[in-house]
């Protein structure tokens, strides 16, 4: 499901798997590839950024790097995900967190920068 207010820079660079959900006002800055796994949820106003600028160069050239959101992961509201980041399968990222490094599977992660704080127990 993709809410009508979602913004995508280059749709051909986005892979949206079965039953994935993109909430209201999500931005997919897809200069690079963005992959969203099965049953993953990207909540409202989150921003997945698959490009940036090289600040070590005087002309700040742009580069792109893939962003991956794993199967059954959940990004809560207003989460920023930086280029070259993988959010592991089943991970949960708390509201307004900023993700600059890979996050492990099945962990609840929060903060700026987002860090794992506990294992995600799933009731059966």
PDB file of N, CA and C in Angstrom:
ATOM      1  N   UNK A   1       0.844  -1.173   0.000  1.00  0.00           N
ATOM      2  CA  UNK A   1       0.000   0.000   0.000  1.00  0.00           C
ATOM      3  C   UNK A   1       0.888   1.234   0.000  1.00  0.00           C
ATOM      4  N   UNK A   2       0.582   2.153  -0.850  1.00  0.00           N
ATOM      5  CA  UNK A   2       1.330   3.410  -0.946  1.00  0.00           C
ATOM      6  C   UNK A   2       0.328   4.549  -0.824  1.00  0.00           C
ATOM      7  N   UNK A   3       0.457   5.343   0.228  1.00  0.00           N
ATOM      8  CA  UNK A   3      -0.450   6.475   0.426  1.00  0.00           C
ATOM      9  C   UNK A   3      -0.236   7.497  -0.696  1.00  0.00           C
ATOM     10  N   UNK A   4      -1.264   8.223  -1.102  1.00  0.00           N
ATOM     11  CA  UNK A   4      -1.162   9.137  -2.240  1.00  0.00           C
ATOM     12  C   UNK A   4      -0.190  10.295  -2.048  1.00  0.00           C
ATOM     13  N   UNK A   5       0.162  10.623  -0.813  1.00  0.00           N
ATOM     14  CA  UNK A   5       1.076  11.743  -0.578  1.00  0.00           C
ATOM     15  C   UNK A   5       2.551  11.339  -0.573  1.00  0.00           C
ATOM     16  N   UNK A   6       2.864  10.059  -0.837  1.00  0.00           N
ATOM     17  CA  UNK A   6       4.261   9.600  -0.912  1.00  0.00           C
ATOM     18  C   UNK A   6       4.949  10.272  -2.103  1.00  0.00           C
ATOM     19  N   UNK A   7       6.215  10.680  -1.900  1.00  0.00           N
ATOM     20  CA  UNK A   7       6.999  11.286  -2.977  1.00  0.00           C
ATOM     21  C   UNK A   7       8.191  10.392  -3.295  1.00  0.00           C
ATOM     22  N   UNK A   8       8.356  10.094  -4.585  1.00  0.00           N
ATOM     23  CA  UNK A   8       9.437   9.224  -5.042  1.00  0.00           C
ATOM     24  C   UNK A   8      10.191   9.947  -6.143  1.00  0.00           C
ATOM     25  N   UNK A   9      11.512  10.060  -5.997  1.00  0.00           N
ATOM     26  CA  UNK A   9      12.307  10.772  -6.996  1.00  0.00           C
ATOM     27  C   UNK A   9      12.366   9.998  -8.304  1.00  0.00           C
ATOM     28  N   UNK A  10      12.832   8.747  -8.252  1.00  0.00           N
ATOM     29  CA  UNK A  10      12.931   7.898  -9.437  1.00  0.00           C
ATOM     30  C   UNK A  10      12.283   6.546  -9.138  1.00  0.00           C
ATOM     31  N   UNK A  11      11.023   6.350  -9.522  1.00  0.00           N
ATOM     32  CA  UNK A  11      10.315   5.105  -9.200  1.00  0.00           C
ATOM     33  C   UNK A  11      11.015   3.842  -9.690  1.00  0.00           C
ATOM     34  N   UNK A  12      11.716   3.909 -10.808  1.00  0.00           N
ATOM     35  CA  UNK A  12      12.379   2.706 -11.331  1.00  0.00           C
ATOM     36  C   UNK A  12      13.515   2.215 -10.438  1.00  0.00           C
ATOM     37  N   UNK A  13      13.967   3.051  -9.507  1.00  0.00           N
ATOM     38  CA  UNK A  13      15.038   2.643  -8.596  1.00  0.00           C
ATOM     39  C   UNK A  13      14.510   2.138  -7.260  1.00  0.00           C
ATOM     40  N   UNK A  14      13.187   1.995  -7.160  1.00  0.00           N
ATOM     41  CA  UNK A  14      12.567   1.538  -5.909  1.00  0.00           C
ATOM     42  C   UNK A  14      11.980   0.147  -6.104  1.00  0.00           C
ATOM     43  N   UNK A  15      12.310  -0.757  -5.180  1.00  0.00           N
ATOM     44  CA  UNK A  15      11.707  -2.082  -5.152  1.00  0.00           C
ATOM     45  C   UNK A  15      10.846  -2.169  -3.909  1.00  0.00           C
ATOM     46  N   UNK A  16       9.550  -2.316  -4.112  1.00  0.00           N
ATOM     47  CA  UNK A  16       8.594  -2.410  -3.023  1.00  0.00           C
ATOM     48  C   UNK A  16       8.032  -3.827  -3.024  1.00  0.00           C
ATOM     49  N   UNK A  17       8.348  -4.590  -1.994  1.00  0.00           N
ATOM     50  CA  UNK A  17       7.944  -5.998  -1.932  1.00  0.00           C
ATOM     51  C   UNK A  17       6.480  -6.142  -1.518  1.00  0.00           C
ATOM     52  N   UNK A  18       5.984  -7.372  -1.598  1.00  0.00           N
ATOM     53  CA  UNK A  18       4.592  -7.668  -1.278  1.00  0.00           C
ATOM     54  C   UNK A  18       4.224  -7.206   0.130  1.00  0.00           C
ATOM     55  N   UNK A  19       3.042  -6.615   0.223  1.00  0.00           N
ATOM     56  CA  UNK A  19       2.433  -6.203   1.484  1.00  0.00           C
ATOM     57  C   UNK A  19       3.222  -5.141   2.244  1.00  0.00           C
ATOM     58  N   UNK A  20       4.169  -4.468   1.587  1.00  0.00           N
ATOM     59  CA  UNK A  20       4.870  -3.343   2.211  1.00  0.00           C
ATOM     60  C   UNK A  20       3.930  -2.148   2.250  1.00  0.00           C
ATOM     61  N   UNK A  21       4.153  -1.263   3.209  1.00  0.00           N
ATOM     62  CA  UNK A  21       3.288  -0.098   3.365  1.00  0.00           C
ATOM     63  C   UNK A  21       4.131   1.161   3.485  1.00  0.00           C
ATOM     64  N   UNK A  22       3.781   2.191   2.710  1.00  0.00           N
ATOM     65  CA  UNK A  22       4.406   3.504   2.801  1.00  0.00           C
ATOM     66  C   UNK A  22       3.348   4.483   3.271  1.00  0.00           C
ATOM     67  N   UNK A  23       3.566   5.107   4.435  1.00  0.00           N
ATOM     68  CA  UNK A  23       2.581   5.998   5.029  1.00  0.00           C
ATOM     69  C   UNK A  23       2.557   7.384   4.407  1.00  0.00           C
ATOM     70  N   UNK A  24       1.665   8.214   4.918  1.00  0.00           N
ATOM     71  CA  UNK A  24       1.495   9.570   4.410  1.00  0.00           C
ATOM     72  C   UNK A  24       2.793  10.378   4.465  1.00  0.00           C
ATOM     73  N   UNK A  25       3.054  11.098   3.396  1.00  0.00           N
ATOM     74  CA  UNK A  25       4.171  12.042   3.283  1.00  0.00           C
ATOM     75  C   UNK A  25       5.553  11.399   3.417  1.00  0.00           C
ATOM     76  N   UNK A  26       5.647  10.105   3.174  1.00  0.00           N
ATOM     77  CA  UNK A  26       6.963   9.461   3.114  1.00  0.00           C
ATOM     78  C   UNK A  26       7.679   9.981   1.871  1.00  0.00           C
ATOM     79  N   UNK A  27       9.004  10.194   2.005  1.00  0.00           N
ATOM     80  CA  UNK A  27       9.824  10.610   0.870  1.00  0.00           C
ATOM     81  C   UNK A  27      10.854   9.517   0.595  1.00  0.00           C
ATOM     82  N   UNK A  28      10.891   9.060  -0.656  1.00  0.00           N
ATOM     83  CA  UNK A  28      11.923   8.131  -1.111  1.00  0.00           C
ATOM     84  C   UNK A  28      12.820   8.905  -2.067  1.00  0.00           C
ATOM     85  N   UNK A  29      13.943   9.391  -1.559  1.00  0.00           N
ATOM     86  CA  UNK A  29      14.899  10.144  -2.368  1.00  0.00           C
ATOM     87  C   UNK A  29      15.781   9.110  -3.065  1.00  0.00           C
ATOM     88  N   UNK A  30      15.275   8.623  -4.180  1.00  0.00           N
ATOM     89  CA  UNK A  30      15.832   7.433  -4.832  1.00  0.00           C
ATOM     90  C   UNK A  30      16.789   7.759  -5.979  1.00  0.00           C
ATOM     91  N   UNK A  31      17.788   8.597  -5.702  1.00  0.00           N
ATOM     92  CA  UNK A  31      18.852   8.754  -6.690  1.00  0.00           C
ATOM     93  C   UNK A  31      19.636   7.451  -6.785  1.00  0.00           C
ATOM     94  N   UNK A  32      19.715   6.731  -5.667  1.00  0.00           N
ATOM     95  CA  UNK A  32      20.233   5.368  -5.640  1.00  0.00           C
ATOM     96  C   UNK A  32      19.077   4.427  -5.395  1.00  0.00           C
ATOM     97  N   UNK A  33      19.366   3.130  -5.365  1.00  0.00           N
ATOM     98  CA  UNK A  33      18.315   2.129  -5.171  1.00  0.00           C
ATOM     99  C   UNK A  33      17.772   2.157  -3.746  1.00  0.00           C
ATOM    100  N   UNK A  34      16.482   1.918  -3.632  1.00  0.00           N
ATOM    101  CA  UNK A  34      15.826   1.728  -2.342  1.00  0.00           C
ATOM    102  C   UNK A  34      15.028   0.438  -2.439  1.00  0.00           C
ATOM    103  N   UNK A  35      15.255  -0.445  -1.471  1.00  0.00           N
ATOM    104  CA  UNK A  35      14.576  -1.743  -1.438  1.00  0.00           C
ATOM    105  C   UNK A  35      13.818  -1.863  -0.125  1.00  0.00           C
ATOM    106  N   UNK A  36      12.526  -2.155  -0.215  1.00  0.00           N
ATOM    107  CA  UNK A  36      11.683  -2.282   0.970  1.00  0.00           C
ATOM    108  C   UNK A  36      11.092  -3.682   0.977  1.00  0.00           C
ATOM    109  N   UNK A  37      11.354  -4.426   2.058  1.00  0.00           N
ATOM    110  CA  UNK A  37      11.031  -5.848   2.125  1.00  0.00           C
ATOM    111  C   UNK A  37       9.566  -6.161   2.363  1.00  0.00           C
ATOM    112  N   UNK A  38       9.266  -7.443   2.281  1.00  0.00           N
ATOM    113  CA  UNK A  38       7.921  -7.984   2.487  1.00  0.00           C
ATOM    114  C   UNK A  38       7.398  -7.589   3.868  1.00  0.00           C
ATOM    115  N   UNK A  39       6.165  -7.099   3.920  1.00  0.00           N
ATOM    116  CA  UNK A  39       5.495  -6.731   5.172  1.00  0.00           C
ATOM    117  C   UNK A  39       6.200  -5.633   5.949  1.00  0.00           C
ATOM    118  N   UNK A  40       7.075  -4.888   5.314  1.00  0.00           N
ATOM    119  CA  UNK A  40       7.737  -3.765   5.992  1.00  0.00           C
ATOM    120  C   UNK A  40       6.791  -2.569   6.024  1.00  0.00           C
ATOM    121  N   UNK A  41       6.944  -1.742   7.050  1.00  0.00           N
ATOM    122  CA  UNK A  41       6.140  -0.531   7.193  1.00  0.00           C
ATOM    123  C   UNK A  41       7.068   0.663   7.339  1.00  0.00           C
ATOM    124  N   UNK A  42       6.865   1.660   6.494  1.00  0.00           N
ATOM    125  CA  UNK A  42       7.562   2.936   6.600  1.00  0.00           C
ATOM    126  C   UNK A  42       6.482   3.956   6.938  1.00  0.00           C
ATOM    127  N   UNK A  43       6.477   4.411   8.182  1.00  0.00           N
ATOM    128  CA  UNK A  43       5.390   5.258   8.666  1.00  0.00           C
ATOM    129  C   UNK A  43       5.509   6.697   8.175  1.00  0.00           C
ATOM    130  N   UNK A  44       4.440   7.448   8.439  1.00  0.00           N
ATOM    131  CA  UNK A  44       4.285   8.805   7.934  1.00  0.00           C
ATOM    132  C   UNK A  44       5.499   9.692   8.189  1.00  0.00           C
ATOM    133  N   UNK A  45       5.769  10.519   7.205  1.00  0.00           N
ATOM    134  CA  UNK A  45       6.816  11.544   7.219  1.00  0.00           C
ATOM    135  C   UNK A  45       8.235  11.001   7.358  1.00  0.00           C
ATOM    136  N   UNK A  46       8.433   9.715   7.145  1.00  0.00           N
ATOM    137  CA  UNK A  46       9.803   9.188   7.140  1.00  0.00           C
ATOM    138  C   UNK A  46      10.486   9.546   5.822  1.00  0.00           C
ATOM    139  N   UNK A  47      11.821   9.573   5.844  1.00  0.00           N
ATOM    140  CA  UNK A  47      12.613  10.010   4.694  1.00  0.00           C
ATOM    141  C   UNK A  47      13.728   8.999   4.466  1.00  0.00           C
ATOM    142  N   UNK A  48      13.674   8.294   3.342  1.00  0.00           N
ATOM    143  CA  UNK A  48      14.723   7.348   2.975  1.00  0.00           C
ATOM    144  C   UNK A  48      15.587   8.012   1.919  1.00  0.00           C
ATOM    145  N   UNK A  49      16.858   8.203   2.243  1.00  0.00           N
ATOM    146  CA  UNK A  49      17.756   9.032   1.440  1.00  0.00           C
ATOM    147  C   UNK A  49      18.865   8.162   0.831  1.00  0.00           C
ATOM    148  N   UNK A  50      18.779   7.902  -0.469  1.00  0.00           N
ATOM    149  CA  UNK A  50      19.757   7.039  -1.134  1.00  0.00           C
ATOM    150  C   UNK A  50      20.822   7.846  -1.876  1.00  0.00           C
ATOM    151  N   UNK A  51      21.051   9.083  -1.443  1.00  0.00           N
ATOM    152  CA  UNK A  51      22.093   9.918  -2.061  1.00  0.00           C
ATOM    153  C   UNK A  51      22.525  11.010  -1.093  1.00  0.00           C
ATOM    154  N   UNK A  52      23.735  11.519  -1.342  1.00  0.00           N
ATOM    155  CA  UNK A  52      24.239  12.637  -0.551  1.00  0.00           C
ATOM    156  C   UNK A  52      25.326  13.339  -1.355  1.00  0.00           C
ATOM    157  N   UNK A  53      26.079  14.203  -0.685  1.00  0.00           N
ATOM    158  CA  UNK A  53      27.187  14.913  -1.322  1.00  0.00           C
ATOM    159  C   UNK A  53      28.486  14.572  -0.612  1.00  0.00           C
ATOM    160  N   UNK A  54      29.565  14.501  -1.361  1.00  0.00           N
ATOM    161  CA  UNK A  54      30.885  14.224  -0.799  1.00  0.00           C
ATOM    162  C   UNK A  54      31.472  15.530  -0.265  1.00  0.00           C
ATOM    163  N   UNK A  55      31.402  15.705   1.045  1.00  0.00           N
ATOM    164  CA  UNK A  55      31.867  16.941   1.667  1.00  0.00           C
ATOM    165  C   UNK A  55      33.390  17.094   1.660  1.00  0.00           C
ATOM    166  N   UNK A  56      34.106  16.014   1.306  1.00  0.00           N
ATOM    167  CA  UNK A  56      35.570  16.101   1.262  1.00  0.00           C
ATOM    168  C   UNK A  56      36.079  16.722  -0.031  1.00  0.00           C
ATOM    169  N   UNK A  57      35.181  16.945  -0.968  1.00  0.00           N
ATOM    170  CA  UNK A  57      35.541  17.541  -2.255  1.00  0.00           C
ATOM    171  C   UNK A  57      35.062  18.997  -2.300  1.00  0.00           C
ATOM    172  N   UNK A  58      35.837  19.879  -2.927  1.00  0.00           N
ATOM    173  CA  UNK A  58      35.451  21.300  -2.945  1.00  0.00           C
ATOM    174  C   UNK A  58      34.159  21.585  -3.700  1.00  0.00           C
ATOM    175  N   UNK A  59      33.787  20.727  -4.646  1.00  0.00           N
ATOM    176  CA  UNK A  59      32.559  20.974  -5.423  1.00  0.00           C
ATOM    177  C   UNK A  59      31.371  20.136  -4.932  1.00  0.00           C
ATOM    178  N   UNK A  60      31.526  19.429  -3.805  1.00  0.00           N
ATOM    179  CA  UNK A  60      30.462  18.633  -3.195  1.00  0.00           C
ATOM    180  C   UNK A  60      29.726  17.737  -4.191  1.00  0.00           C
ATOM    181  N   UNK A  61      30.447  16.865  -4.930  1.00  0.00           N
ATOM    182  CA  UNK A  61      29.743  16.033  -5.920  1.00  0.00           C
ATOM    183  C   UNK A  61      28.736  15.095  -5.238  1.00  0.00           C
ATOM    184  N   UNK A  62      27.664  14.834  -5.949  1.00  0.00           N
ATOM    185  CA  UNK A  62      26.621  13.962  -5.412  1.00  0.00           C
ATOM    186  C   UNK A  62      26.991  12.502  -5.677  1.00  0.00           C
ATOM    187  N   UNK A  63      26.608  11.630  -4.758  1.00  0.00           N
ATOM    188  CA  UNK A  63      26.796  10.192  -4.953  1.00  0.00           C
ATOM    189  C   UNK A  63      25.530   9.480  -4.487  1.00  0.00           C
ATOM    190  N   UNK A  64      25.351   8.256  -4.953  1.00  0.00           N
ATOM    191  CA  UNK A  64      24.195   7.467  -4.530  1.00  0.00           C
ATOM    192  C   UNK A  64      24.661   6.144  -3.935  1.00  0.00           C
ATOM    193  N   UNK A  65      23.932   5.692  -2.927  1.00  0.00           N
ATOM    194  CA  UNK A  65      24.183   4.401  -2.270  1.00  0.00           C
ATOM    195  C   UNK A  65      22.846   3.792  -1.873  1.00  0.00           C
ATOM    196  N   UNK A  66      22.745   2.508  -2.026  1.00  0.00           N
ATOM    197  CA  UNK A  66      21.502   1.773  -1.792  1.00  0.00           C
ATOM    198  C   UNK A  66      21.058   1.833  -0.331  1.00  0.00           C
ATOM    199  N   UNK A  67      19.731   1.900  -0.138  1.00  0.00           N
ATOM    200  CA  UNK A  67      19.092   1.801   1.170  1.00  0.00           C
ATOM    201  C   UNK A  67      18.216   0.552   1.153  1.00  0.00           C
ATOM    202  N   UNK A  68      18.307  -0.280   2.206  1.00  0.00           N
ATOM    203  CA  UNK A  68      17.500  -1.506   2.300  1.00  0.00           C
ATOM    204  C   UNK A  68      16.739  -1.523   3.625  1.00  0.00           C
ATOM    205  N   UNK A  69      15.450  -1.741   3.516  1.00  0.00           N
ATOM    206  CA  UNK A  69      14.608  -1.925   4.699  1.00  0.00           C
ATOM    207  C   UNK A  69      14.158  -3.381   4.669  1.00  0.00           C
ATOM    208  N   UNK A  70      14.513  -4.134   5.695  1.00  0.00           N
ATOM    209  CA  UNK A  70      14.270  -5.574   5.701  1.00  0.00           C
ATOM    210  C   UNK A  70      12.809  -5.951   5.835  1.00  0.00           C
ATOM    211  N   UNK A  71      12.557  -7.212   5.558  1.00  0.00           N
ATOM    212  CA  UNK A  71      11.207  -7.777   5.693  1.00  0.00           C
ATOM    213  C   UNK A  71      10.719  -7.619   7.127  1.00  0.00           C
ATOM    214  N   UNK A  72       9.467  -7.263   7.284  1.00  0.00           N
ATOM    215  CA  UNK A  72       8.799  -7.127   8.575  1.00  0.00           C
ATOM    216  C   UNK A  72       9.440  -6.083   9.494  1.00  0.00           C
ATOM    217  N   UNK A  73      10.231  -5.179   8.906  1.00  0.00           N
ATOM    218  CA  UNK A  73      10.773  -4.065   9.691  1.00  0.00           C
ATOM    219  C   UNK A  73       9.709  -2.974   9.778  1.00  0.00           C
ATOM    220  N   UNK A  74       9.823  -2.143  10.793  1.00  0.00           N
ATOM    221  CA  UNK A  74       8.899  -1.021  10.966  1.00  0.00           C
ATOM    222  C   UNK A  74       9.692   0.226  11.301  1.00  0.00           C
ATOM    223  N   UNK A  75       9.571   1.232  10.444  1.00  0.00           N
ATOM    224  CA  UNK A  75      10.110   2.552  10.744  1.00  0.00           C
ATOM    225  C   UNK A  75       8.942   3.382  11.252  1.00  0.00           C
ATOM    226  N   UNK A  76       8.990   3.824  12.493  1.00  0.00           N
ATOM    227  CA  UNK A  76       7.907   4.634  13.051  1.00  0.00           C
ATOM    228  C   UNK A  76       7.941   6.027  12.431  1.00  0.00           C
ATOM    229  N   UNK A  77       7.089   6.903  12.884  1.00  0.00           N
ATOM    230  CA  UNK A  77       6.936   8.208  12.251  1.00  0.00           C
ATOM    231  C   UNK A  77       8.222   9.043  12.232  1.00  0.00           C
ATOM    232  N   UNK A  78       8.442   9.707  11.110  1.00  0.00           N
ATOM    233  CA  UNK A  78       9.492  10.721  10.974  1.00  0.00           C
ATOM    234  C   UNK A  78      10.912  10.177  11.156  1.00  0.00           C
ATOM    235  N   UNK A  79      11.168   8.981  10.669  1.00  0.00           N
ATOM    236  CA  UNK A  79      12.507   8.385  10.736  1.00  0.00           C
ATOM    237  C   UNK A  79      13.301   8.787   9.495  1.00  0.00           C
ATOM    238  N   UNK A  80      14.563   9.161   9.690  1.00  0.00           N
ATOM    239  CA  UNK A  80      15.483   9.449   8.587  1.00  0.00           C
ATOM    240  C   UNK A  80      16.421   8.261   8.432  1.00  0.00           C
ATOM    241  N   UNK A  81      16.592   7.777   7.189  1.00  0.00           N
ATOM    242  CA  UNK A  81      17.536   6.698   6.897  1.00  0.00           C
ATOM    243  C   UNK A  81      18.531   7.213   5.864  1.00  0.00           C
ATOM    244  N   UNK A  82      19.814   7.162   6.203  1.00  0.00           N
ATOM    245  CA  UNK A  82      20.888   7.691   5.370  1.00  0.00           C
ATOM    246  C   UNK A  82      21.295   6.711   4.270  1.00  0.00           C
ATOM    247  N   UNK A  83      22.039   7.196   3.272  1.00  0.00           N
ATOM    248  CA  UNK A  83      22.541   6.319   2.212  1.00  0.00           C
ATOM    249  C   UNK A  83      23.415   5.201   2.777  1.00  0.00           C
ATOM    250  N   UNK A  84      23.406   4.064   2.082  1.00  0.00           N
ATOM    251  CA  UNK A  84      24.257   2.912   2.403  1.00  0.00           C
ATOM    252  C   UNK A  84      23.832   2.191   3.674  1.00  0.00           C
ATOM    253  N   UNK A  85      22.594   2.359   4.104  1.00  0.00           N
ATOM    254  CA  UNK A  85      22.109   1.756   5.349  1.00  0.00           C
ATOM    255  C   UNK A  85      21.186   0.585   5.051  1.00  0.00           C
ATOM    256  N   UNK A  86      21.324  -0.475   5.867  1.00  0.00           N
ATOM    257  CA  UNK A  86      20.400  -1.593   5.863  1.00  0.00           C
ATOM    258  C   UNK A  86      19.763  -1.697   7.240  1.00  0.00           C
ATOM    259  N   UNK A  87      18.436  -1.686   7.258  1.00  0.00           N
ATOM    260  CA  UNK A  87      17.685  -1.947   8.484  1.00  0.00           C
ATOM    261  C   UNK A  87      17.305  -3.423   8.420  1.00  0.00           C
ATOM    262  N   UNK A  88      17.760  -4.198   9.403  1.00  0.00           N
ATOM    263  CA  UNK A  88      17.599  -5.648   9.375  1.00  0.00           C
ATOM    264  C   UNK A  88      16.153  -6.118   9.430  1.00  0.00           C
ATOM    265  N   UNK A  89      15.944  -7.350   8.980  1.00  0.00           N
ATOM    266  CA  UNK A  89      14.615  -7.967   9.009  1.00  0.00           C
ATOM    267  C   UNK A  89      14.034  -7.902  10.417  1.00  0.00           C
ATOM    268  N   UNK A  90      12.786  -7.476  10.514  1.00  0.00           N
ATOM    269  CA  UNK A  90      12.087  -7.466  11.794  1.00  0.00           C
ATOM    270  C   UNK A  90      12.497  -6.369  12.758  1.00  0.00           C
ATOM    271  N   UNK A  91      13.411  -5.500  12.374  1.00  0.00           N
ATOM    272  CA  UNK A  91      13.827  -4.415  13.265  1.00  0.00           C
ATOM    273  C   UNK A  91      12.717  -3.377  13.388  1.00  0.00           C
ATOM    274  N   UNK A  92      12.676  -2.691  14.522  1.00  0.00           N
ATOM    275  CA  UNK A  92      11.753  -1.584  14.753  1.00  0.00           C
ATOM    276  C   UNK A  92      12.600  -0.358  15.058  1.00  0.00           C
ATOM    277  N   UNK A  93      12.317   0.739  14.350  1.00  0.00           N
ATOM    278  CA  UNK A  93      13.049   1.991  14.562  1.00  0.00           C
ATOM    279  C   UNK A  93      12.068   3.002  15.135  1.00  0.00           C
ATOM    280  N   UNK A  94      12.380   3.518  16.316  1.00  0.00           N
ATOM    281  CA  UNK A  94      11.482   4.418  17.022  1.00  0.00           C
ATOM    282  C   UNK A  94      11.283   5.753  16.332  1.00  0.00           C
ATOM    283  N   UNK A  95      10.184   6.408  16.671  1.00  0.00           N
ATOM    284  CA  UNK A  95       9.806   7.688  16.078  1.00  0.00           C
ATOM    285  C   UNK A  95      10.936   8.710  16.176  1.00  0.00           C
ATOM    286  N   UNK A  96      11.104   9.453  15.106  1.00  0.00           N
ATOM    287  CA  UNK A  96      12.066  10.546  14.985  1.00  0.00           C
ATOM    288  C   UNK A  96      13.518  10.116  15.166  1.00  0.00           C
ATOM    289  N   UNK A  97      13.801   8.852  14.971  1.00  0.00           N
ATOM    290  CA  UNK A  97      15.185   8.383  15.008  1.00  0.00           C
ATOM    291  C   UNK A  97      15.871   8.709  13.688  1.00  0.00           C
ATOM    292  N   UNK A  98      17.199   8.782  13.740  1.00  0.00           N
ATOM    293  CA  UNK A  98      18.022   8.992  12.543  1.00  0.00           C
ATOM    294  C   UNK A  98      18.971   7.819  12.415  1.00  0.00           C
ATOM    295  N   UNK A  99      18.924   7.164  11.263  1.00  0.00           N
ATOM    296  CA  UNK A  99      19.681   5.925  11.062  1.00  0.00           C
ATOM    297  C   UNK A  99      20.839   6.195  10.108  1.00  0.00           C
ATOM    298  N   UNK A 100      22.061   6.157  10.636  1.00  0.00           N
ATOM    299  CA  UNK A 100      23.255   6.435   9.845  1.00  0.00           C
ATOM    300  C   UNK A 100      24.120   5.202   9.619  1.00  0.00           C
ATOM    301  N   UNK A 101      23.821   4.107  10.325  1.00  0.00           N
ATOM    302  CA  UNK A 101      24.573   2.857  10.209  1.00  0.00           C
ATOM    303  C   UNK A 101      23.586   1.692  10.190  1.00  0.00           C
ATOM    304  N   UNK A 102      24.024   0.556   9.676  1.00  0.00           N
ATOM    305  CA  UNK A 102      23.168  -0.627   9.622  1.00  0.00           C
ATOM    306  C   UNK A 102      22.617  -0.972  11.007  1.00  0.00           C
ATOM    307  N   UNK A 103      21.381  -1.440  11.019  1.00  0.00           N
ATOM    308  CA  UNK A 103      20.751  -1.889  12.260  1.00  0.00           C
ATOM    309  C   UNK A 103      20.495  -3.387  12.172  1.00  0.00           C
ATOM    310  N   UNK A 104      20.721  -4.109  13.274  1.00  0.00           N
ATOM    311  CA  UNK A 104      20.586  -5.571  13.239  1.00  0.00           C
ATOM    312  C   UNK A 104      19.130  -6.025  13.183  1.00  0.00           C
ATOM    313  N   UNK A 105      18.923  -7.246  12.715  1.00  0.00           N
ATOM    314  CA  UNK A 105      17.569  -7.798  12.675  1.00  0.00           C
ATOM    315  C   UNK A 105      16.976  -7.961  14.072  1.00  0.00           C
ATOM    316  N   UNK A 106      15.646  -7.870  14.138  1.00  0.00           N
ATOM    317  CA  UNK A 106      14.859  -8.196  15.336  1.00  0.00           C
ATOM    318  C   UNK A 106      15.236  -7.375  16.569  1.00  0.00           C
ATOM    319  N   UNK A 107      15.713  -6.160  16.360  1.00  0.00           N
ATOM    320  CA  UNK A 107      16.048  -5.287  17.479  1.00  0.00           C
ATOM    321  C   UNK A 107      15.179  -4.039  17.435  1.00  0.00           C
ATOM    322  N   UNK A 108      14.848  -3.522  18.614  1.00  0.00           N
ATOM    323  CA  UNK A 108      14.196  -2.221  18.729  1.00  0.00           C
ATOM    324  C   UNK A 108      15.327  -1.204  18.834  1.00  0.00           C
ATOM    325  N   UNK A 109      15.290  -0.200  17.958  1.00  0.00           N
ATOM    326  CA  UNK A 109      16.376   0.775  17.862  1.00  0.00           C
ATOM    327  C   UNK A 109      15.789   2.180  17.957  1.00  0.00           C
ATOM    328  N   UNK A 110      16.455   3.052  18.706  1.00  0.00           N
ATOM    329  CA  UNK A 110      15.970   4.423  18.866  1.00  0.00           C
ATOM    330  C   UNK A 110      17.143   5.382  18.936  1.00  0.00           C
ATOM    331  N   UNK A 111      16.848   6.659  18.680  1.00  0.00           N
ATOM    332  CA  UNK A 111      17.805   7.716  18.930  1.00  0.00           C
ATOM    333  C   UNK A 111      18.380   8.361  17.695  1.00  0.00           C
ATOM    334  N   UNK A 112      19.276   9.292  17.964  1.00  0.00           N
ATOM    335  CA  UNK A 112      19.991  10.006  16.922  1.00  0.00           C
ATOM    336  C   UNK A 112      21.463  10.073  17.339  1.00  0.00           C
ATOM    337  N   UNK A 113      22.269   9.163  16.859  1.00  0.00           N
ATOM    338  CA  UNK A 113      21.962   8.122  15.883  1.00  0.00           C
ATOM    339  C   UNK A 113      21.219   6.947  16.523  1.00  0.00           C
ATOM    340  N   UNK A 114      20.423   6.261  15.709  1.00  0.00           N
ATOM    341  CA  UNK A 114      19.660   5.111  16.205  1.00  0.00           C
ATOM    342  C   UNK A 114      20.615   4.004  16.640  1.00  0.00           C
ATOM    343  N   UNK A 115      20.295   3.420  17.804  1.00  0.00           N
ATOM    344  CA  UNK A 115      21.080   2.308  18.342  1.00  0.00           C
ATOM    345  C   UNK A 115      20.130   1.247  18.882  1.00  0.00           C
ATOM    346  N   UNK A 116      20.527  -0.023  18.796  1.00  0.00           N
ATOM    347  CA  UNK A 116      19.691  -1.093  19.344  1.00  0.00           C
ATOM    348  C   UNK A 116      19.591  -0.965  20.863  1.00  0.00           C
ATOM    349  N   UNK A 117      18.364  -1.115  21.393  1.00  0.00           N
ATOM    350  CA  UNK A 117      18.204  -1.051  22.844  1.00  0.00           C
ATOM    351  C   UNK A 117      17.675  -2.347  23.448  1.00  0.00           C
ATOM    352  N   UNK A 118      16.963  -3.140  22.638  1.00  0.00           N
ATOM    353  CA  UNK A 118      16.486  -4.417  23.170  1.00  0.00           C
ATOM    354  C   UNK A 118      16.035  -5.304  22.012  1.00  0.00           C
ATOM    355  N   UNK A 119      15.964  -6.600  22.313  1.00  0.00           N
ATOM    356  CA  UNK A 119      15.481  -7.572  21.347  1.00  0.00           C
ATOM    357  C   UNK A 119      13.980  -7.407  21.172  1.00  0.00           C
ATOM    358  N   UNK A 120      13.504  -7.584  19.941  1.00  0.00           N
ATOM    359  CA  UNK A 120      12.072  -7.498  19.654  1.00  0.00           C
ATOM    360  C   UNK A 120      11.435  -8.859  19.882  1.00  0.00           C
ATOM    361  N   UNK A 121      10.708  -8.993  20.969  1.00  0.00           N
ATOM    362  CA  UNK A 121       9.966 -10.226  21.230  1.00  0.00           C
ATOM    363  C   UNK A 121       8.671 -10.183  20.468  1.00  0.00           C
ATOM    364  N   UNK A 122       8.365 -11.237  19.737  1.00  0.00           N
ATOM    365  CA  UNK A 122       7.111 -11.310  18.996  1.00  0.00           C
ATOM    366  C   UNK A 122       6.224 -12.335  19.668  1.00  0.00           C
ATOM    367  N   UNK A 123       5.033 -11.886  20.073  1.00  0.00           N
ATOM    368  CA  UNK A 123       4.076 -12.794  20.718  1.00  0.00           C
ATOM    369  C   UNK A 123       3.600 -13.832  19.705  1.00  0.00           C
ATOM    370  N   UNK A 124       3.482 -15.064  20.165  1.00  0.00           N
ATOM    371  CA  UNK A 124       2.997 -16.130  19.286  1.00  0.00           C
ATOM    372  C   UNK A 124       1.715 -16.711  19.770  1.00  0.00           C
TER     373      UNK A 124
END
